[in-house]
N, C-alpha and C. Protein backbone atom coordinates (compact mmCIF):
# COMPACT_ATOMS: atom_id res chain seq x y z
N MET A 1 0.73 -1.16 0.58
CA MET A 1 0.29 0.26 0.29
C MET A 1 0.83 1.02 0.06
N ASN A 2 0.27 2.55 -0.67
CA ASN A 2 1.65 3.38 -1.06
C ASN A 2 0.68 4.71 0.28
N ALA A 3 1.97 4.35 1.19
CA ALA A 3 1.44 5.39 1.77
C ALA A 3 1.75 6.95 2.06
N SER A 4 2.50 7.70 0.98
CA SER A 4 1.86 8.55 0.67
C SER A 4 -0.24 8.82 -0.56
N LEU A 5 -0.35 8.02 -0.68
CA LEU A 5 -2.09 8.19 -0.73
C LEU A 5 -2.53 8.49 0.42
N TRP A 6 -2.04 8.11 1.10
CA TRP A 6 -2.75 8.39 2.72
C TRP A 6 -2.83 9.86 3.04
N ASP A 7 -4.41 9.90 3.74
CA ASP A 7 -4.73 11.57 3.97
C ASP A 7 -4.17 11.14 6.05
N TRP A 8 -2.95 11.77 5.65
CA TRP A 8 -2.07 12.03 6.32
C TRP A 8 -2.33 13.16 7.58
N ASN A 9 -2.78 14.49 7.35
CA ASN A 9 -3.96 15.28 7.35
C ASN A 9 -4.05 14.29 8.99
N ALA A 10 -5.84 14.36 8.29
CA ALA A 10 -6.40 13.25 9.52
C ALA A 10 -5.85 12.29 10.24
N ILE A 11 -4.98 11.81 10.26
CA ILE A 11 -4.55 11.11 10.61
C ILE A 11 -3.57 11.48 11.93
N TYR A 12 -2.93 12.33 11.43
CA TYR A 12 -1.46 13.50 13.00
C TYR A 12 -2.97 13.83 13.48
N LEU A 13 -4.51 14.99 12.80
CA LEU A 13 -5.16 15.51 13.17
C LEU A 13 -5.72 13.89 14.64
N THR A 14 -5.48 13.42 14.33
CA THR A 14 -6.92 12.72 14.54
C THR A 14 -6.18 11.62 16.02
N CYS A 15 -4.87 11.50 15.68
CA CYS A 15 -3.86 11.03 16.98
C CYS A 15 -4.43 12.92 17.42
N PHE A 16 -3.38 13.58 17.20
CA PHE A 16 -4.18 14.54 18.32
C PHE A 16 -5.19 14.59 18.84
N GLY A 17 -6.24 14.85 18.32
CA GLY A 17 -6.97 14.37 18.60
C GLY A 17 -7.83 13.99 20.96
N VAL A 18 -7.42 12.39 19.85
CA VAL A 18 -7.45 11.16 20.95
C VAL A 18 -7.06 11.73 22.08
N GLY A 19 -5.21 11.76 21.82
CA GLY A 19 -4.39 12.26 23.31
C GLY A 19 -4.77 13.11 23.53
N LEU A 20 -5.58 14.35 22.57
CA LEU A 20 -5.96 15.11 24.27
C LEU A 20 -7.36 15.56 24.74
N VAL A 21 -8.35 14.59 23.46
CA VAL A 21 -9.68 13.98 25.16
C VAL A 21 -9.18 13.57 25.81
N LEU A 22 -8.48 11.89 25.99
CA LEU A 22 -8.27 11.88 26.84
C LEU A 22 -7.47 12.49 27.88
N SER A 23 -6.75 13.49 27.59
CA SER A 23 -5.82 13.49 29.11
C SER A 23 -7.07 14.97 29.59
N PHE A 24 -8.40 15.39 28.80
CA PHE A 24 -9.40 16.38 30.15
C PHE A 24 -9.90 14.61 30.31
N VAL A 25 -10.60 13.63 29.68
CA VAL A 25 -11.22 12.35 30.46
C VAL A 25 -10.51 12.21 32.14
N ALA A 26 -9.23 12.08 31.71
CA ALA A 26 -8.33 11.49 32.92
C ALA A 26 -8.43 12.58 34.42
N PHE A 27 -7.88 13.84 33.08
CA PHE A 27 -8.13 14.54 34.12
C PHE A 27 -9.08 15.10 34.83
N PHE A 28 -10.38 15.17 34.85
CA PHE A 28 -11.74 15.52 35.03
C PHE A 28 -12.65 14.00 36.05
N ALA A 29 -12.58 12.47 35.34
CA ALA A 29 -13.12 11.66 35.49
C ALA A 29 -11.92 11.41 37.17
N GLY A 30 -10.84 11.34 36.81
CA GLY A 30 -9.49 10.86 37.69
C GLY A 30 -9.08 9.50 37.65
N GLY A 31 -9.01 9.37 36.44
CA GLY A 31 -8.49 7.67 36.07
C GLY A 31 -9.80 6.80 34.22
N LEU A 32 -8.40 5.97 33.75
CA LEU A 32 -9.17 6.23 32.20
C LEU A 32 -8.16 4.55 32.12
N HIS A 33 -9.24 3.65 31.35
CA HIS A 33 -8.15 2.48 30.74
C HIS A 33 -8.34 2.64 29.95
N VAL A 34 -7.24 2.47 28.86
CA VAL A 34 -6.10 2.84 27.53
C VAL A 34 -5.53 1.41 27.07
N GLY A 35 -6.30 0.82 26.34
CA GLY A 35 -5.50 -0.73 26.25
C GLY A 35 -5.25 -1.31 27.76
N HIS A 36 -4.59 -2.09 27.31
CA HIS A 36 -3.71 -1.92 29.01
C HIS A 36 -2.64 -1.30 29.82
N PHE A 37 -3.01 -0.49 29.40
CA PHE A 37 -2.61 0.77 30.83
C PHE A 37 -3.52 1.87 31.34
N HIS A 38 -3.61 0.94 32.79
CA HIS A 38 -4.32 1.90 33.59
C HIS A 38 -4.71 4.00 33.44
N PHE A 39 -4.49 4.50 33.16
CA PHE A 39 -5.12 5.57 33.32
C PHE A 39 -5.81 6.29 34.85
N SER A 40 -4.31 5.59 35.29
CA SER A 40 -4.91 6.42 37.27
C SER A 40 -3.52 7.27 38.16
N GLY A 41 -3.36 7.75 38.79
CA GLY A 41 -2.72 8.65 40.11
C GLY A 41 -2.57 6.82 40.41
N HIS A 42 -3.52 6.50 40.33
CA HIS A 42 -3.35 5.73 41.78
C HIS A 42 -2.07 3.97 40.75
N ALA A 43 -2.93 3.78 40.04
CA ALA A 43 -1.87 2.15 38.78
C ALA A 43 -1.07 3.21 38.85
N LEU A 44 -0.29 4.56 38.11
CA LEU A 44 1.13 5.03 38.29
C LEU A 44 1.48 4.63 40.17
N LYS A 45 1.83 5.09 40.73
CA LYS A 45 2.00 4.76 41.65
C LYS A 45 2.62 3.83 41.83
N ALA A 46 1.42 2.78 41.18
CA ALA A 46 2.54 2.03 42.03
C ALA A 46 4.13 1.16 41.07
N HIS A 47 3.62 1.18 39.25
CA HIS A 47 4.72 1.02 39.47
C HIS A 47 5.87 1.73 39.09
N MET A 48 5.96 3.54 39.83
CA MET A 48 6.65 4.14 40.93
C MET A 48 7.83 3.55 41.92
N LYS A 49 7.36 2.92 42.69
CA LYS A 49 7.95 2.06 43.61
C LYS A 49 8.98 1.89 43.79
N ALA A 50 10.29 1.77 44.48
CA ALA A 50 11.59 2.00 44.30
C ALA A 50 12.05 1.24 42.90
N GLY A 51 13.09 1.36 41.81
CA GLY A 51 13.59 1.31 41.19
C GLY A 51 12.13 0.29 40.21
N SER A 52 11.14 0.72 40.44
CA SER A 52 10.14 0.31 39.54
C SER A 52 9.44 0.73 37.90
N ALA A 53 10.03 2.58 38.35
CA ALA A 53 9.62 3.48 37.07
C ALA A 53 8.95 2.82 35.74
N SER A 54 8.11 2.97 35.48
CA SER A 54 7.81 2.30 33.62
C SER A 54 7.34 3.77 32.82
N PRO A 55 8.03 3.30 32.18
CA PRO A 55 8.17 5.03 31.09
C PRO A 55 6.71 4.64 30.25
N PHE A 56 5.74 3.91 30.84
CA PHE A 56 4.84 2.95 29.40
C PHE A 56 3.40 2.68 30.67
N ASN A 57 3.45 3.70 30.17
CA ASN A 57 1.27 3.98 31.15
C ASN A 57 0.90 5.00 30.23
N GLY A 58 -0.37 4.97 31.43
CA GLY A 58 -1.67 5.68 30.45
C GLY A 58 -1.03 7.69 30.13
N PHE A 59 -0.05 7.62 30.95
CA PHE A 59 0.08 10.18 30.83
C PHE A 59 0.28 9.29 30.07
N THR A 60 2.19 8.70 30.06
CA THR A 60 3.22 9.08 28.56
C THR A 60 2.54 8.70 27.05
N LEU A 61 1.50 7.91 27.28
CA LEU A 61 1.43 7.17 26.56
C LEU A 61 0.02 8.77 25.53
N VAL A 62 -0.82 9.40 25.40
CA VAL A 62 -1.15 10.47 26.03
C VAL A 62 -0.30 11.78 25.48
N ALA A 63 0.62 12.29 26.46
CA ALA A 63 1.27 12.35 25.97
C ALA A 63 1.63 12.31 24.13
N PHE A 64 2.55 11.49 24.20
CA PHE A 64 3.08 10.85 23.09
C PHE A 64 2.24 11.09 21.64
N LEU A 65 0.45 10.83 22.17
CA LEU A 65 -0.68 10.46 21.20
C LEU A 65 -0.04 12.71 20.81
N CYS A 66 -0.23 12.99 21.86
CA CYS A 66 -0.37 14.61 21.61
C CYS A 66 0.43 15.61 21.17
N TRP A 67 2.07 15.09 21.69
CA TRP A 67 2.93 15.43 19.79
C TRP A 67 3.17 15.14 19.58
N PHE A 68 3.41 13.66 18.98
CA PHE A 68 3.69 13.14 17.96
C PHE A 68 1.89 14.21 15.97
N GLY A 69 1.20 14.05 16.94
CA GLY A 69 -0.38 14.48 16.18
C GLY A 69 0.22 16.08 15.89
N GLY A 70 0.06 16.30 17.21
CA GLY A 70 0.64 17.65 16.69
C GLY A 70 1.51 18.29 15.84
N ALA A 71 2.43 18.56 16.52
CA ALA A 71 3.67 18.16 15.34
C ALA A 71 3.56 17.81 14.19
N GLY A 72 3.19 15.96 13.28
CA GLY A 72 3.05 15.91 12.26
C GLY A 72 2.30 16.82 11.10
N TYR A 73 0.62 17.17 12.31
CA TYR A 73 -0.33 17.54 11.27
C TYR A 73 0.59 19.10 10.89
N LEU A 74 1.88 19.77 11.74
CA LEU A 74 1.54 21.24 11.07
C LEU A 74 2.79 21.11 10.34
N LEU A 75 4.27 19.63 10.42
CA LEU A 75 4.70 19.50 9.28
C LEU A 75 4.34 19.89 7.73
N HIS A 76 3.76 18.86 8.50
CA HIS A 76 2.52 17.79 6.74
C HIS A 76 2.10 19.07 6.36
N ARG A 77 1.63 20.36 6.99
CA ARG A 77 0.87 21.00 6.66
C ARG A 77 2.19 21.95 5.51
N GLY A 78 2.72 21.78 6.69
CA GLY A 78 4.10 23.44 5.42
C GLY A 78 4.18 23.12 4.64
N ASN A 79 4.33 21.57 4.06
CA ASN A 79 5.45 21.57 3.46
C ASN A 79 6.71 21.54 3.36
N VAL A 80 7.71 21.48 4.26
CA VAL A 80 8.95 21.63 4.36
C VAL A 80 9.81 20.42 4.30
N PHE A 81 8.66 19.64 4.45
CA PHE A 81 9.92 17.87 4.41
C PHE A 81 8.85 17.10 4.19
N GLY A 82 9.95 16.21 3.30
CA GLY A 82 9.32 14.82 2.59
C GLY A 82 8.58 14.55 3.94
N LEU A 83 7.54 13.59 3.52
CA LEU A 83 7.09 12.06 3.25
C LEU A 83 7.80 11.91 4.94
N GLY A 84 8.50 11.53 4.77
CA GLY A 84 9.53 10.71 5.81
C GLY A 84 10.40 11.60 6.88
N LEU A 85 10.41 11.72 6.75
CA LEU A 85 10.95 12.92 7.07
C LEU A 85 10.18 13.62 8.39
N VAL A 86 9.09 14.40 8.08
CA VAL A 86 7.66 14.96 9.35
C VAL A 86 7.29 13.26 9.74
N LEU A 87 7.47 12.22 9.12
CA LEU A 87 6.91 10.68 10.55
C LEU A 87 8.35 10.86 11.26
N LEU A 88 9.79 10.93 10.73
CA LEU A 88 10.63 11.21 11.96
C LEU A 88 10.50 12.23 12.74
N PHE A 89 9.83 13.62 12.15
CA PHE A 89 10.50 14.33 13.29
C PHE A 89 9.19 14.51 13.90
N SER A 90 8.27 13.43 13.23
CA SER A 90 6.78 13.75 14.42
C SER A 90 7.51 12.56 15.39
N SER A 91 7.69 12.00 15.43
CA SER A 91 7.58 9.97 15.91
C SER A 91 8.96 10.60 17.81
N LEU A 92 9.41 11.33 16.80
CA LEU A 92 10.68 12.01 17.75
C LEU A 92 9.63 13.24 18.65
N SER A 93 8.73 14.40 18.29
CA SER A 93 7.87 14.95 19.20
C SER A 93 7.76 14.22 20.13
N GLY A 94 7.33 13.19 19.63
CA GLY A 94 5.97 12.18 20.30
C GLY A 94 6.83 11.48 22.16
N ILE A 95 8.18 10.41 21.11
CA ILE A 95 9.25 10.48 22.38
C ILE A 95 9.45 12.04 23.34
N ALA A 96 9.67 12.80 22.84
CA ALA A 96 10.04 14.33 24.26
C ALA A 96 8.68 14.60 24.79
N GLY A 97 8.28 14.77 24.63
CA GLY A 97 7.04 15.07 24.76
C GLY A 97 6.61 13.61 26.61
N ALA A 98 6.68 12.57 25.72
CA ALA A 98 6.11 11.63 26.90
C ALA A 98 7.33 11.81 27.72
N SER A 99 8.40 11.12 27.42
CA SER A 99 9.81 11.37 27.50
C SER A 99 10.13 12.96 29.13
N LEU A 100 9.09 13.75 28.77
CA LEU A 100 8.90 14.84 29.38
C LEU A 100 7.96 14.84 29.91
N VAL A 101 6.94 13.78 30.11
CA VAL A 101 6.12 14.19 31.35
C VAL A 101 5.90 13.23 31.78
N PHE A 102 7.28 12.11 31.18
CA PHE A 102 7.50 11.00 32.64
C PHE A 102 8.43 11.01 33.16
N TRP A 103 9.52 12.93 32.76
CA TRP A 103 10.04 12.75 33.94
C TRP A 103 10.14 13.22 34.87
N PHE A 104 8.54 14.88 34.87
CA PHE A 104 8.25 15.23 35.69
C PHE A 104 7.35 14.45 36.15
N LEU A 105 6.49 13.24 36.39
CA LEU A 105 6.09 12.30 36.80
C LEU A 105 6.58 11.93 38.14
N ALA A 106 6.86 11.15 37.95
CA ALA A 106 8.70 10.33 38.75
C ALA A 106 10.02 11.02 39.35
N PHE A 107 9.68 12.10 39.34
CA PHE A 107 10.99 13.18 39.47
C PHE A 107 10.41 14.28 40.23
N VAL A 108 9.36 14.57 39.93
CA VAL A 108 8.70 15.44 40.40
C VAL A 108 6.84 15.04 42.12
N LEU A 109 6.32 14.54 40.83
CA LEU A 109 5.15 14.29 41.74
C LEU A 109 5.75 13.03 42.67
N MET A 110 5.88 12.13 42.40
CA MET A 110 5.68 11.23 43.24
C MET A 110 6.68 10.66 44.15
N PRO A 111 7.87 11.26 43.69
CA PRO A 111 8.14 11.17 45.41
C PRO A 111 7.92 12.12 46.34
N GLY A 112 7.14 12.42 45.78
CA GLY A 112 6.03 13.23 48.02
C GLY A 112 5.11 11.85 48.66
N GLU A 113 4.73 11.03 47.06
CA GLU A 113 3.87 10.48 48.03
C GLU A 113 4.54 8.85 48.68
N ARG A 114 3.48 8.76 49.77
CA ARG A 114 3.65 7.86 50.01
C ARG A 114 2.58 7.08 50.14
N THR A 115 2.53 5.02 50.90
CA THR A 115 2.08 5.21 50.72
C THR A 115 0.82 4.65 52.47
N LEU A 116 -0.45 4.84 52.83
CA LEU A 116 -0.41 4.51 53.38
C LEU A 116 -0.15 2.89 54.48
N GLU A 117 0.43 2.64 55.69
CA GLU A 117 -0.03 2.29 56.27
C GLU A 117 -1.70 1.84 57.30
N ALA A 118 -1.16 0.63 57.82
CA ALA A 118 -2.90 1.12 58.82
C ALA A 118 -3.08 1.07 59.78
N ALA A 119 -1.57 1.57 60.27
CA ALA A 119 -0.90 1.94 62.02
C ALA A 119 -1.33 3.75 61.18
N ASP A 120 -1.59 4.02 59.94
CA ASP A 120 -1.83 5.21 60.27
C ASP A 120 -3.03 5.84 60.42
N THR A 121 -3.80 5.03 60.17
CA THR A 121 -4.68 5.03 60.10
C THR A 121 -6.05 5.02 61.12
N GLU A 122 -5.10 3.80 62.07
CA GLU A 122 -5.96 3.07 62.76
C GLU A 122 -6.38 3.88 64.06
N ILE A 123 -7.74 4.24 64.43
CA ILE A 123 -8.39 4.76 65.60
C ILE A 123 -9.21 5.38 66.55
N VAL A 124 -8.47 3.65 67.13
CA VAL A 124 -8.74 3.01 68.77
C VAL A 124 -7.52 3.70 69.12
N GLY A 125 -7.14 4.20 70.13
CA GLY A 125 -6.08 5.40 70.93
C GLY A 125 -6.59 7.27 70.33
N VAL A 126 -7.43 7.11 69.37
CA VAL A 126 -6.81 8.24 69.63
C VAL A 126 -7.47 9.77 70.53
N ILE A 127 -7.01 11.26 70.63
CA ILE A 127 -7.70 12.02 71.14
C ILE A 127 -8.57 13.32 69.89
N GLY A 128 -10.16 13.44 70.60
CA GLY A 128 -9.90 14.36 70.45
C GLY A 128 -11.02 14.48 71.03
N THR A 129 -12.37 15.89 70.24
CA THR A 129 -12.75 16.41 70.49
C THR A 129 -13.82 16.94 70.17
N LEU A 130 -15.60 16.46 71.26
CA LEU A 130 -16.85 16.78 70.53
C LEU A 130 -17.80 17.59 69.77
N SER A 131 -17.67 18.08 68.69
CA SER A 131 -17.95 18.97 68.10
C SER A 131 -19.78 19.77 68.01
N CYS A 132 -19.88 18.95 68.63
CA CYS A 132 -21.22 18.51 68.71
C CYS A 132 -21.82 17.91 70.23
N ALA A 133 -22.92 17.76 70.70
CA ALA A 133 -23.52 17.60 72.46
C ALA A 133 -23.88 15.91 72.17
N MET A 134 -23.57 15.18 72.62
CA MET A 134 -23.88 14.37 71.54
C MET A 134 -25.10 13.38 72.85
N PRO A 135 -25.64 12.83 72.18
CA PRO A 135 -27.22 12.81 74.12
C PRO A 135 -26.57 11.21 74.62
N LYS A 136 -27.19 11.73 75.69
CA LYS A 136 -27.47 9.75 76.22
C LYS A 136 -28.34 8.67 74.94
N HIS A 137 -27.07 7.23 75.03
CA HIS A 137 -26.91 6.14 74.09
C HIS A 137 -27.99 6.35 72.20
N GLY A 138 -26.75 8.05 72.25
CA GLY A 138 -27.59 8.92 70.51
C GLY A 138 -25.87 9.16 69.95
N VAL A 139 -25.25 9.37 68.63
CA VAL A 139 -24.40 9.94 68.45
C VAL A 139 -23.72 11.08 67.79
N GLY A 140 -22.77 11.35 67.92
CA GLY A 140 -22.22 12.44 67.94
C GLY A 140 -20.31 12.82 66.69
N GLU A 141 -20.10 13.48 66.49
CA GLU A 141 -18.77 13.63 65.81
C GLU A 141 -18.03 14.11 66.87
N LEU A 142 -16.81 13.52 66.91
CA LEU A 142 -15.17 13.66 67.00
C LEU A 142 -14.33 14.53 65.75
N LEU A 143 -14.39 14.95 66.33
CA LEU A 143 -13.35 15.85 65.99
C LEU A 143 -11.22 15.28 65.84
N TYR A 144 -10.75 15.00 65.08
CA TYR A 144 -9.32 14.93 65.73
C TYR A 144 -7.77 14.96 64.64
N SER A 145 -6.59 15.07 65.10
CA SER A 145 -5.52 15.34 64.71
C SER A 145 -4.63 14.45 63.68
N GLN A 146 -4.80 13.37 62.00
CA GLN A 146 -4.20 12.47 62.43
C GLN A 146 -3.36 13.09 61.64
N ASN A 147 -1.32 11.98 61.31
CA ASN A 147 -0.74 12.15 60.76
C ASN A 147 -0.83 13.85 59.59
N GLY A 148 -1.19 15.39 60.92
CA GLY A 148 -0.97 15.89 59.84
C GLY A 148 -2.59 16.86 59.49
N ALA A 149 -3.77 15.81 59.56
CA ALA A 149 -4.60 16.78 58.39
C ALA A 149 -6.18 16.63 59.87
N ARG A 150 -6.99 17.14 59.51
CA ARG A 150 -8.09 17.14 59.94
C ARG A 150 -8.47 16.40 60.08
N ARG A 151 -9.51 14.73 61.52
CA ARG A 151 -9.94 14.43 60.42
C ARG A 151 -11.39 14.93 61.42
N SER A 152 -12.88 13.36 60.90
CA SER A 152 -14.13 14.31 61.50
C SER A 152 -14.52 12.26 61.55
N ALA A 153 -15.28 12.69 63.00
CA ALA A 153 -15.54 10.28 62.15
C ALA A 153 -16.61 10.96 63.69
N SER A 154 -18.03 10.01 63.45
CA SER A 154 -18.80 9.34 64.59
C SER A 154 -18.59 8.27 65.43
N VAL A 155 -19.33 8.37 66.72
CA VAL A 155 -19.46 8.68 67.82
C VAL A 155 -20.20 8.24 68.52
N ARG A 156 -19.79 7.06 69.84
CA ARG A 156 -20.94 7.59 70.66
C ARG A 156 -20.02 6.31 71.84
N SER A 157 -21.07 7.28 73.07
CA SER A 157 -20.47 7.06 74.24
C SER A 157 -19.99 5.07 74.75
N ASP A 158 -18.81 4.78 75.25
CA ASP A 158 -18.93 3.53 75.70
C ASP A 158 -19.08 3.43 76.92
N ASP A 159 -20.03 4.03 77.88
CA ASP A 159 -20.62 4.11 78.91
C ASP A 159 -22.48 3.85 78.66
N GLY A 160 -21.87 4.71 76.71
CA GLY A 160 -23.92 5.25 76.94
C GLY A 160 -24.47 6.49 77.30
N GLU A 161 -23.68 6.89 78.02
CA GLU A 161 -23.77 8.72 79.06
C GLU A 161 -23.98 10.12 77.46
N ALA A 162 -24.69 10.48 78.28
CA ALA A 162 -24.54 12.11 77.16
C ALA A 162 -22.65 12.26 77.83
N ILE A 163 -22.71 12.69 76.49
CA ILE A 163 -21.51 14.42 76.69
C ILE A 163 -21.56 15.72 76.24
N GLU A 164 -21.22 15.93 76.69
CA GLU A 164 -21.33 17.89 76.25
C GLU A 164 -20.29 18.18 75.32
N ARG A 165 -20.87 19.16 73.91
CA ARG A 165 -19.80 19.62 72.99
C ARG A 165 -18.36 20.77 73.60
N GLY A 166 -17.08 19.81 73.64
CA GLY A 166 -15.76 20.79 73.20
C GLY A 166 -15.46 19.73 74.65
N ALA A 167 -16.10 18.78 74.35
CA ALA A 167 -15.26 17.42 75.92
C ALA A 167 -14.08 16.79 75.19
N GLU A 168 -13.05 16.73 75.72
CA GLU A 168 -12.05 15.87 74.75
C GLU A 168 -12.08 14.19 75.87
N VAL A 169 -12.46 13.47 74.88
CA VAL A 169 -12.84 12.35 74.23
C VAL A 169 -10.87 11.40 73.18
N VAL A 170 -11.21 10.24 74.45
CA VAL A 170 -10.64 9.71 73.66
C VAL A 170 -11.55 7.95 73.37
N VAL A 171 -10.84 7.37 72.65
CA VAL A 171 -11.67 6.16 71.64
C VAL A 171 -11.36 4.95 72.05
N MET A 172 -12.05 4.16 72.54
CA MET A 172 -12.27 3.25 73.24
C MET A 172 -12.05 1.40 72.68
N ARG A 173 -13.08 1.33 71.53
CA ARG A 173 -12.60 0.99 70.18
C ARG A 173 -14.01 1.51 68.80
N TYR A 174 -13.40 0.44 68.00
CA TYR A 174 -14.03 1.10 66.81
C TYR A 174 -14.79 0.04 66.00
N MET A 175 -15.63 -0.17 65.44
CA MET A 175 -16.83 -1.19 65.57
C MET A 175 -18.29 -0.50 63.78
N ARG A 176 -17.90 -1.47 62.95
CA ARG A 176 -19.42 -1.14 61.85
C ARG A 176 -19.67 1.01 61.50
N GLY A 177 -17.84 1.55 61.62
CA GLY A 177 -18.16 2.80 61.43
C GLY A 177 -17.99 3.59 62.39
N ILE A 178 -17.96 3.26 63.42
CA ILE A 178 -18.72 3.48 64.82
C ILE A 178 -17.74 3.89 65.37
N ALA A 179 -16.90 4.94 65.76
CA ALA A 179 -15.95 5.18 67.03
C ALA A 179 -16.67 5.25 68.06
N TYR A 180 -16.69 4.78 69.95
CA TYR A 180 -17.06 4.57 71.09
C TYR A 180 -16.32 4.72 71.83
N VAL A 181 -16.16 6.34 72.36
CA VAL A 181 -15.73 6.43 72.93
C VAL A 181 -16.40 6.78 74.22
N LYS A 182 -14.71 8.11 75.22
CA LYS A 182 -14.77 7.88 76.95
C LYS A 182 -14.35 9.36 77.42
N ARG A 183 -14.85 9.78 78.21
CA ARG A 183 -14.27 11.48 78.17
C ARG A 183 -12.94 10.87 78.61
N TRP A 184 -11.70 11.43 78.61
CA TRP A 184 -9.72 11.38 78.14
C TRP A 184 -9.79 11.55 80.61
N ASP A 185 -10.53 12.70 80.79
CA ASP A 185 -10.28 13.13 81.89
C ASP A 185 -10.86 12.02 83.00
N GLU A 186 -12.08 10.98 82.00
CA GLU A 186 -12.04 10.01 83.42
C GLU A 186 -10.97 8.46 82.50
N PHE A 187 -10.93 8.67 81.72
CA PHE A 187 -9.63 7.65 81.81
C PHE A 187 -8.80 7.67 82.24
N GLU A 188 -7.94 9.20 82.24
CA GLU A 188 -6.99 8.98 83.07
C GLU A 188 -6.58 9.29 84.44
N HIS A 189 -7.63 9.41 84.49
CA HIS A 189 -7.65 9.33 86.44
C HIS A 189 -7.55 7.74 86.45
N GLY A 190 -8.15 6.87 85.98
CA GLY A 190 -8.58 5.42 85.27
C GLY A 190 -6.50 5.40 85.65
N LEU A 191 -5.66 5.70 84.21
CA LEU A 191 -4.52 5.67 83.51
C LEU A 191 -3.42 5.23 85.25
N LEU A 192 -3.76 7.40 85.99
CA LEU A 192 -2.91 7.12 86.57
C LEU A 192 -3.24 6.33 87.44
N ALA A 193 -4.04 6.32 87.93
CA ALA A 193 -4.11 4.42 88.95
C ALA A 193 -2.96 3.85 88.25
N ASP A 194 -2.92 3.32 87.62
CA ASP A 194 -2.12 2.16 86.50
C ASP A 194 -0.71 3.05 87.45
N GLY A 195 -0.39 4.18 85.92
CA GLY A 195 1.01 4.75 86.28
C GLY A 195 1.06 6.21 85.35
N PRO A 196 1.55 6.54 85.47
CA PRO A 196 1.26 8.04 85.13
C PRO A 196 2.37 7.86 84.21
N ASP A 197 3.91 7.83 83.74
CA ASP A 197 3.71 6.89 82.19
C ASP A 197 2.87 6.10 81.25
N HIS A 198 2.05 5.26 81.59
CA HIS A 198 1.62 4.90 80.67
C HIS A 198 -0.10 6.18 80.02
N ALA A 199 -0.47 6.99 81.15
CA ALA A 199 -1.21 7.83 80.61
C ALA A 199 -0.32 8.51 79.76
N GLU A 200 1.23 9.62 80.14
CA GLU A 200 1.60 10.42 79.22
C GLU A 200 1.70 9.73 76.96
N ASP A 201 2.14 8.42 78.00
CA ASP A 201 2.98 7.65 77.26
C ASP A 201 0.61 7.80 75.38
N LEU A 202 0.45 7.09 75.81
CA LEU A 202 -0.83 7.63 75.11
C LEU A 202 -1.54 8.13 74.86
N GLU A 203 -1.46 9.50 75.75
CA GLU A 203 -1.73 11.22 75.45
C GLU A 203 -1.10 11.51 74.41
N ARG A 204 0.23 11.28 73.85
CA ARG A 204 1.35 11.63 73.19
C ARG A 204 1.31 11.04 71.86
N GLU A 205 0.44 9.81 71.83
CA GLU A 205 0.40 8.94 70.63
C GLU A 205 -0.92 8.86 70.40
N GLY A 206 -2.28 9.40 70.60
CA GLY A 206 -3.69 9.27 69.86
C GLY A 206 -2.78 11.91 69.20
N LYS A 207 -3.25 12.75 70.86
CA LYS A 207 -2.27 13.61 70.00
C LYS A 207 -1.82 13.33 68.18
N GLY A 208 -0.54 12.43 68.59
CA GLY A 208 0.61 13.63 67.37
C GLY A 208 0.29 12.63 66.10
């Protein structure tokens, strides 16, 4: 088949358009499957772990299509080079664009990411403050800090008693999406009876 008879303007524009559309879809939808590549930040992180960074992923594929298509269309429309040179320069442009995106992802964005361990989200033992009054046998809301972020959780009193807004409480257990809490001053009083060092360690752990 004679490649000179193909509509190269349409081919380049299609590549550019597909790459551009996939970029917008991934940006607004948060993820996308492109063939065997899963186009999402979570999937990319799996490839970016120590020494396993792969340059072949959805982000670099889309970048290649955009740069390849855009450069190819402009060069072909300009009639400066022959068909072979236009294809060569377009491919080099696509590789350069994909390489730039991969470098930015691998060396700028990904180094600051880390996977949360179960211990990072453990709520039992956390100390926080009630944002609203919790009625007897009712549900309230706990505000607490964890890993440098402000978080909230639905709570019940561990002994079923009402607790006023602003009270400092400690999480005793966590079941089915509900944290069961006890007043910190009551819990601390019991710990002091066993030993002050234990109370200080638990308070430091909960507020950290």
